[in-house]
N, C-alpha and C. Protein backbone atom coordinates (compact mmCIF):
# COMPACT_ATOMS: atom_id res chain seq x y z
N MET A 1 261.99 241.51 -5.72
CA MET A 1 261.59 240.43 -6.75
C MET A 1 260.74 239.36 -5.94
N ALA A 2 259.81 238.83 -6.63
CA ALA A 2 258.90 237.86 -6.14
C ALA A 2 259.70 236.61 -5.87
N PRO A 3 259.28 235.77 -4.90
CA PRO A 3 259.94 234.49 -4.57
C PRO A 3 260.02 233.66 -5.88
N LEU A 4 261.14 232.97 -5.95
CA LEU A 4 261.37 232.10 -7.14
C LEU A 4 260.84 230.69 -6.85
N THR A 5 260.27 230.05 -7.89
CA THR A 5 259.73 228.77 -7.79
C THR A 5 260.36 228.00 -8.86
N LEU A 6 260.75 226.71 -8.58
CA LEU A 6 261.29 225.81 -9.49
C LEU A 6 260.13 224.78 -9.83
N LEU A 7 259.61 224.81 -11.07
CA LEU A 7 258.61 223.93 -11.55
C LEU A 7 259.24 222.75 -12.23
N LYS A 8 258.90 221.56 -11.83
CA LYS A 8 259.46 220.36 -12.47
C LYS A 8 258.30 219.71 -13.23
N PHE A 9 258.45 219.69 -14.55
CA PHE A 9 257.44 219.03 -15.45
C PHE A 9 257.99 217.70 -15.71
N SER A 10 257.20 216.61 -15.33
CA SER A 10 257.67 215.25 -15.53
C SER A 10 256.49 214.36 -15.78
N SER A 11 256.79 213.07 -15.85
CA SER A 11 255.75 212.02 -16.05
C SER A 11 255.99 210.86 -15.14
N GLU A 12 254.98 210.25 -14.78
CA GLU A 12 255.08 209.06 -13.92
C GLU A 12 255.85 207.94 -14.59
N ASP A 13 255.77 207.87 -15.92
CA ASP A 13 256.48 206.84 -16.69
C ASP A 13 257.96 207.08 -17.01
N CYS A 14 258.47 208.20 -16.52
CA CYS A 14 259.86 208.64 -16.77
C CYS A 14 260.80 208.17 -15.68
N GLY A 15 261.66 207.22 -16.03
CA GLY A 15 262.67 206.75 -15.10
C GLY A 15 263.64 207.84 -14.65
N THR A 16 264.08 208.63 -15.60
CA THR A 16 265.03 209.70 -15.27
C THR A 16 264.34 210.73 -14.25
N CYS A 17 263.06 211.03 -14.55
CA CYS A 17 262.40 211.93 -13.64
C CYS A 17 262.30 211.38 -12.22
N HIS A 18 262.04 210.06 -12.12
CA HIS A 18 261.97 209.41 -10.83
C HIS A 18 263.27 209.41 -10.14
N ARG A 19 264.42 209.17 -10.86
CA ARG A 19 265.75 209.21 -10.16
C ARG A 19 266.08 210.54 -9.72
N MET A 20 265.74 211.59 -10.46
CA MET A 20 266.01 213.04 -10.04
C MET A 20 265.19 213.43 -8.81
N SER A 21 263.99 212.84 -8.70
CA SER A 21 263.15 213.14 -7.56
C SER A 21 263.79 212.78 -6.17
N HIS A 22 264.84 212.00 -6.18
CA HIS A 22 265.51 211.69 -4.97
C HIS A 22 266.30 212.93 -4.44
N TYR A 23 266.59 213.88 -5.22
CA TYR A 23 267.40 215.10 -4.73
C TYR A 23 266.88 216.44 -5.31
N ASP A 24 266.07 216.50 -6.28
CA ASP A 24 265.83 217.81 -6.90
C ASP A 24 265.08 218.80 -5.95
N ALA A 25 264.04 218.31 -5.22
CA ALA A 25 263.42 219.21 -4.33
C ALA A 25 264.28 219.66 -3.18
N ARG A 26 265.17 218.73 -2.68
CA ARG A 26 266.13 219.11 -1.64
C ARG A 26 267.09 220.16 -2.06
N VAL A 27 267.56 219.95 -3.23
CA VAL A 27 268.59 220.95 -3.78
C VAL A 27 267.86 222.34 -3.98
N ALA A 28 266.61 222.35 -4.50
CA ALA A 28 265.91 223.59 -4.65
C ALA A 28 265.71 224.23 -3.29
N GLU A 29 265.39 223.49 -2.30
CA GLU A 29 265.14 224.05 -0.97
C GLU A 29 266.44 224.65 -0.41
N GLU A 30 267.54 223.91 -0.64
CA GLU A 30 268.89 224.39 -0.14
C GLU A 30 269.20 225.74 -0.75
N LEU A 31 268.78 225.95 -1.99
CA LEU A 31 269.08 227.22 -2.67
C LEU A 31 267.99 228.26 -2.46
N GLY A 32 267.07 228.02 -1.53
CA GLY A 32 266.05 229.00 -1.13
C GLY A 32 264.85 229.14 -2.12
N LEU A 33 264.62 228.05 -2.89
CA LEU A 33 263.56 228.08 -3.89
C LEU A 33 262.33 227.23 -3.39
N GLU A 34 261.17 227.74 -3.89
CA GLU A 34 260.00 226.94 -3.73
C GLU A 34 260.04 225.85 -4.77
N PHE A 35 259.52 224.70 -4.57
CA PHE A 35 259.56 223.60 -5.50
C PHE A 35 258.19 223.04 -5.69
N VAL A 36 257.81 222.91 -6.97
CA VAL A 36 256.50 222.28 -7.32
C VAL A 36 256.72 221.22 -8.35
N SER A 37 256.28 220.00 -8.05
CA SER A 37 256.36 218.89 -8.97
C SER A 37 255.09 218.91 -9.73
N VAL A 38 255.16 219.00 -11.11
CA VAL A 38 254.04 218.98 -11.95
C VAL A 38 254.06 217.69 -12.85
N MET A 39 253.42 216.61 -12.29
CA MET A 39 253.27 215.47 -13.10
C MET A 39 252.24 215.68 -14.20
N LEU A 40 252.51 215.25 -15.42
CA LEU A 40 251.61 215.51 -16.50
C LEU A 40 250.27 214.70 -16.13
N GLN A 41 250.33 213.59 -15.48
CA GLN A 41 249.27 212.83 -15.09
C GLN A 41 248.29 213.44 -14.04
N ASP A 42 248.87 214.44 -13.28
CA ASP A 42 248.13 215.12 -12.32
C ASP A 42 247.41 216.28 -12.94
N THR A 43 246.22 216.10 -13.43
CA THR A 43 245.56 217.07 -14.33
C THR A 43 245.37 218.39 -13.62
N ALA A 44 244.94 218.36 -12.29
CA ALA A 44 244.73 219.70 -11.63
C ALA A 44 245.96 220.53 -11.52
N THR A 45 247.12 219.91 -11.06
CA THR A 45 248.29 220.69 -10.99
C THR A 45 248.84 221.05 -12.30
N TYR A 46 248.76 220.11 -13.28
CA TYR A 46 249.19 220.49 -14.68
C TYR A 46 248.39 221.67 -15.26
N ARG A 47 247.11 221.68 -15.08
CA ARG A 47 246.34 222.80 -15.58
C ARG A 47 246.66 224.06 -14.94
N ARG A 48 247.08 224.08 -13.70
CA ARG A 48 247.48 225.28 -12.97
C ARG A 48 248.74 225.88 -13.53
N TYR A 49 249.69 225.05 -13.91
CA TYR A 49 251.03 225.55 -14.43
C TYR A 49 251.21 225.41 -15.91
N ARG A 50 250.25 224.92 -16.62
CA ARG A 50 250.39 224.67 -18.04
C ARG A 50 250.74 225.94 -18.81
N ARG A 51 250.21 227.06 -18.43
CA ARG A 51 250.53 228.36 -19.11
C ARG A 51 251.96 228.68 -19.08
N VAL A 52 252.64 228.29 -17.99
CA VAL A 52 254.08 228.61 -17.80
C VAL A 52 254.88 227.74 -18.83
N LEU A 53 254.52 226.40 -18.80
CA LEU A 53 255.13 225.47 -19.71
C LEU A 53 255.01 225.91 -21.16
N LEU A 54 253.75 226.29 -21.53
CA LEU A 54 253.48 226.62 -22.94
C LEU A 54 254.12 227.94 -23.34
N ALA A 55 254.45 228.83 -22.41
CA ALA A 55 255.16 230.08 -22.72
C ALA A 55 256.54 229.77 -23.16
N GLN A 56 257.14 228.69 -22.59
CA GLN A 56 258.52 228.25 -23.01
C GLN A 56 258.49 227.33 -24.13
N TYR A 57 257.50 226.42 -24.23
CA TYR A 57 257.40 225.37 -25.24
C TYR A 57 255.95 225.39 -25.72
N PRO A 58 255.64 226.24 -26.69
CA PRO A 58 254.28 226.40 -27.18
C PRO A 58 253.65 225.03 -27.72
N ASN A 59 254.50 224.21 -28.27
CA ASN A 59 253.91 222.90 -28.76
C ASN A 59 254.72 221.75 -28.12
N LYS A 60 255.32 222.03 -27.01
CA LYS A 60 256.11 221.08 -26.17
C LYS A 60 257.30 220.47 -26.92
N GLU A 61 257.55 220.93 -28.10
CA GLU A 61 258.79 220.51 -28.91
C GLU A 61 259.99 220.95 -28.25
N GLY A 62 260.96 220.07 -28.09
CA GLY A 62 262.28 220.40 -27.53
C GLY A 62 262.33 220.27 -25.98
N MET A 63 261.24 219.87 -25.37
CA MET A 63 261.30 219.64 -23.97
C MET A 63 262.19 218.41 -23.63
N GLY A 64 262.73 218.39 -22.44
CA GLY A 64 263.43 217.22 -21.97
C GLY A 64 262.67 216.59 -20.87
N TRP A 65 263.08 215.41 -20.48
CA TRP A 65 262.38 214.78 -19.35
C TRP A 65 263.35 214.52 -18.25
N PRO A 66 263.22 215.18 -17.15
CA PRO A 66 262.21 216.20 -16.83
C PRO A 66 262.61 217.64 -17.42
N THR A 67 261.68 218.51 -17.36
CA THR A 67 262.04 219.91 -17.63
C THR A 67 261.71 220.75 -16.42
N TYR A 68 262.73 221.50 -15.98
CA TYR A 68 262.62 222.43 -14.81
C TYR A 68 262.56 223.83 -15.41
N LEU A 69 261.63 224.65 -14.89
CA LEU A 69 261.60 226.06 -15.17
C LEU A 69 261.65 226.92 -13.90
N LEU A 70 262.62 227.83 -13.87
CA LEU A 70 262.79 228.68 -12.72
C LEU A 70 262.00 229.93 -12.95
N VAL A 71 261.04 230.20 -12.10
CA VAL A 71 259.98 231.23 -12.40
C VAL A 71 259.75 232.10 -11.16
N SER A 72 259.59 233.37 -11.37
CA SER A 72 259.15 234.34 -10.40
C SER A 72 257.73 234.63 -10.63
N ASP A 73 257.02 234.94 -9.55
CA ASP A 73 255.59 235.41 -9.62
C ASP A 73 254.75 234.33 -10.40
N VAL A 74 254.93 233.15 -10.03
CA VAL A 74 254.39 231.96 -10.81
C VAL A 74 252.88 231.95 -10.88
N ASP A 75 252.16 232.60 -9.92
CA ASP A 75 250.70 232.56 -9.90
C ASP A 75 250.13 233.84 -10.55
N ALA A 76 250.94 234.72 -11.09
CA ALA A 76 250.45 235.95 -11.62
C ALA A 76 251.17 236.19 -13.00
N ALA A 77 251.69 237.37 -13.13
CA ALA A 77 252.40 237.68 -14.45
C ALA A 77 253.84 237.20 -14.40
N PHE A 78 254.04 235.86 -14.51
CA PHE A 78 255.25 235.14 -14.24
C PHE A 78 256.39 235.63 -15.21
N VAL A 79 257.67 235.38 -14.72
CA VAL A 79 258.81 235.60 -15.56
C VAL A 79 259.63 234.32 -15.42
N ILE A 80 260.07 233.77 -16.61
CA ILE A 80 260.95 232.59 -16.55
C ILE A 80 262.35 233.09 -16.53
N HIS A 81 263.16 232.64 -15.52
CA HIS A 81 264.52 233.08 -15.36
C HIS A 81 265.52 232.04 -15.81
N GLY A 82 265.08 230.85 -16.05
CA GLY A 82 266.02 229.81 -16.47
C GLY A 82 265.35 228.45 -16.58
N GLU A 83 266.02 227.48 -17.23
CA GLU A 83 265.47 226.18 -17.39
C GLU A 83 266.57 225.15 -17.38
N LEU A 84 266.24 223.97 -16.99
CA LEU A 84 267.08 222.84 -17.09
C LEU A 84 266.25 221.63 -17.66
N ARG A 85 266.94 220.92 -18.64
CA ARG A 85 266.23 219.85 -19.28
C ARG A 85 267.06 218.51 -19.09
N GLY A 86 266.33 217.47 -18.94
CA GLY A 86 266.95 216.18 -18.95
C GLY A 86 267.55 215.79 -17.64
N GLY A 87 268.05 214.51 -17.60
CA GLY A 87 268.64 214.05 -16.43
C GLY A 87 270.00 214.44 -16.19
N MET A 88 270.47 214.53 -14.99
CA MET A 88 271.89 214.90 -14.64
C MET A 88 272.13 214.51 -13.20
N ALA A 89 273.36 214.43 -12.87
CA ALA A 89 273.83 214.04 -11.54
C ALA A 89 273.46 215.15 -10.56
N LYS A 90 273.35 214.84 -9.29
CA LYS A 90 273.02 215.84 -8.27
C LYS A 90 273.91 217.06 -8.32
N GLY A 91 275.28 216.86 -8.33
CA GLY A 91 276.23 218.02 -8.38
C GLY A 91 275.96 218.90 -9.63
N ASP A 92 275.84 218.23 -10.69
CA ASP A 92 275.57 218.98 -12.00
C ASP A 92 274.21 219.74 -11.88
N PHE A 93 273.22 219.14 -11.31
CA PHE A 93 271.92 219.79 -11.15
C PHE A 93 272.10 221.03 -10.25
N ARG A 94 272.73 220.91 -9.14
CA ARG A 94 272.95 222.06 -8.17
C ARG A 94 273.73 223.12 -8.90
N ALA A 95 274.83 222.80 -9.61
CA ALA A 95 275.61 223.80 -10.25
C ALA A 95 274.83 224.53 -11.32
N ARG A 96 274.13 223.84 -12.19
CA ARG A 96 273.36 224.50 -13.25
C ARG A 96 272.14 225.31 -12.72
N LEU A 97 271.53 224.77 -11.67
CA LEU A 97 270.41 225.58 -11.05
C LEU A 97 270.97 226.82 -10.39
N SER A 98 272.09 226.74 -9.67
CA SER A 98 272.71 227.90 -9.07
C SER A 98 273.06 228.94 -10.14
N ALA A 99 273.57 228.50 -11.23
CA ALA A 99 273.94 229.41 -12.32
C ALA A 99 272.78 230.14 -12.98
N SER A 100 271.58 229.51 -12.83
CA SER A 100 270.38 230.10 -13.38
C SER A 100 269.73 231.17 -12.50
N LEU A 101 270.11 231.22 -11.23
CA LEU A 101 269.56 232.15 -10.31
C LEU A 101 269.94 233.59 -10.55
N PRO A 102 268.98 234.44 -10.57
CA PRO A 102 269.35 235.96 -10.70
C PRO A 102 270.24 236.26 -9.51
N ALA A 103 271.15 237.19 -9.78
CA ALA A 103 272.14 237.58 -8.73
C ALA A 103 271.47 237.99 -7.40
N ALA A 104 270.42 238.70 -7.43
CA ALA A 104 269.80 239.07 -6.13
C ALA A 104 269.07 237.88 -5.40
N ALA A 105 268.83 236.80 -6.13
CA ALA A 105 268.12 235.66 -5.54
C ALA A 105 269.00 234.60 -4.92
N GLU A 106 270.35 234.79 -5.21
CA GLU A 106 271.28 233.74 -4.61
C GLU A 106 271.32 233.83 -3.15
N PRO A 107 271.24 232.60 -2.49
CA PRO A 107 271.30 232.60 -1.02
C PRO A 107 272.78 233.04 -0.56
N PRO A 108 272.77 233.58 0.73
CA PRO A 108 274.11 234.04 1.26
C PRO A 108 275.13 232.93 1.17
N GLY A 109 276.37 233.31 0.86
CA GLY A 109 277.43 232.31 0.87
C GLY A 109 277.43 231.35 -0.38
N SER A 110 276.63 231.66 -1.38
CA SER A 110 276.60 230.85 -2.55
C SER A 110 277.26 231.35 -3.70
N ALA A 111 278.20 232.33 -3.52
CA ALA A 111 278.96 232.93 -4.64
C ALA A 111 279.73 231.77 -5.41
N VAL A 112 279.54 231.89 -6.77
CA VAL A 112 280.15 230.90 -7.63
C VAL A 112 281.54 231.32 -8.10
């Protein structure tokens, strides 16, 4: 399986997105994931990953702030393996993200 990437779609104006930025990348790294922050105001990065977001939310309806998409093969024929929406505490974020990992992608010793 291709490496898994966690894409975080957020906005500079979102307080919840900012609060979660204190731990989201670190938790993703602990779980063996690549992490990419996609600020909607960063047009170059947003353009690069927009197709992934629109595959899940064609008209952006139902998105939360922030929205995280767990994706394999992000730069090619990507597959979305899971999503997290909205703000949550660090422990909840870790637990929900861990539960979204495909069984083969879970890091050693991470059995739930």
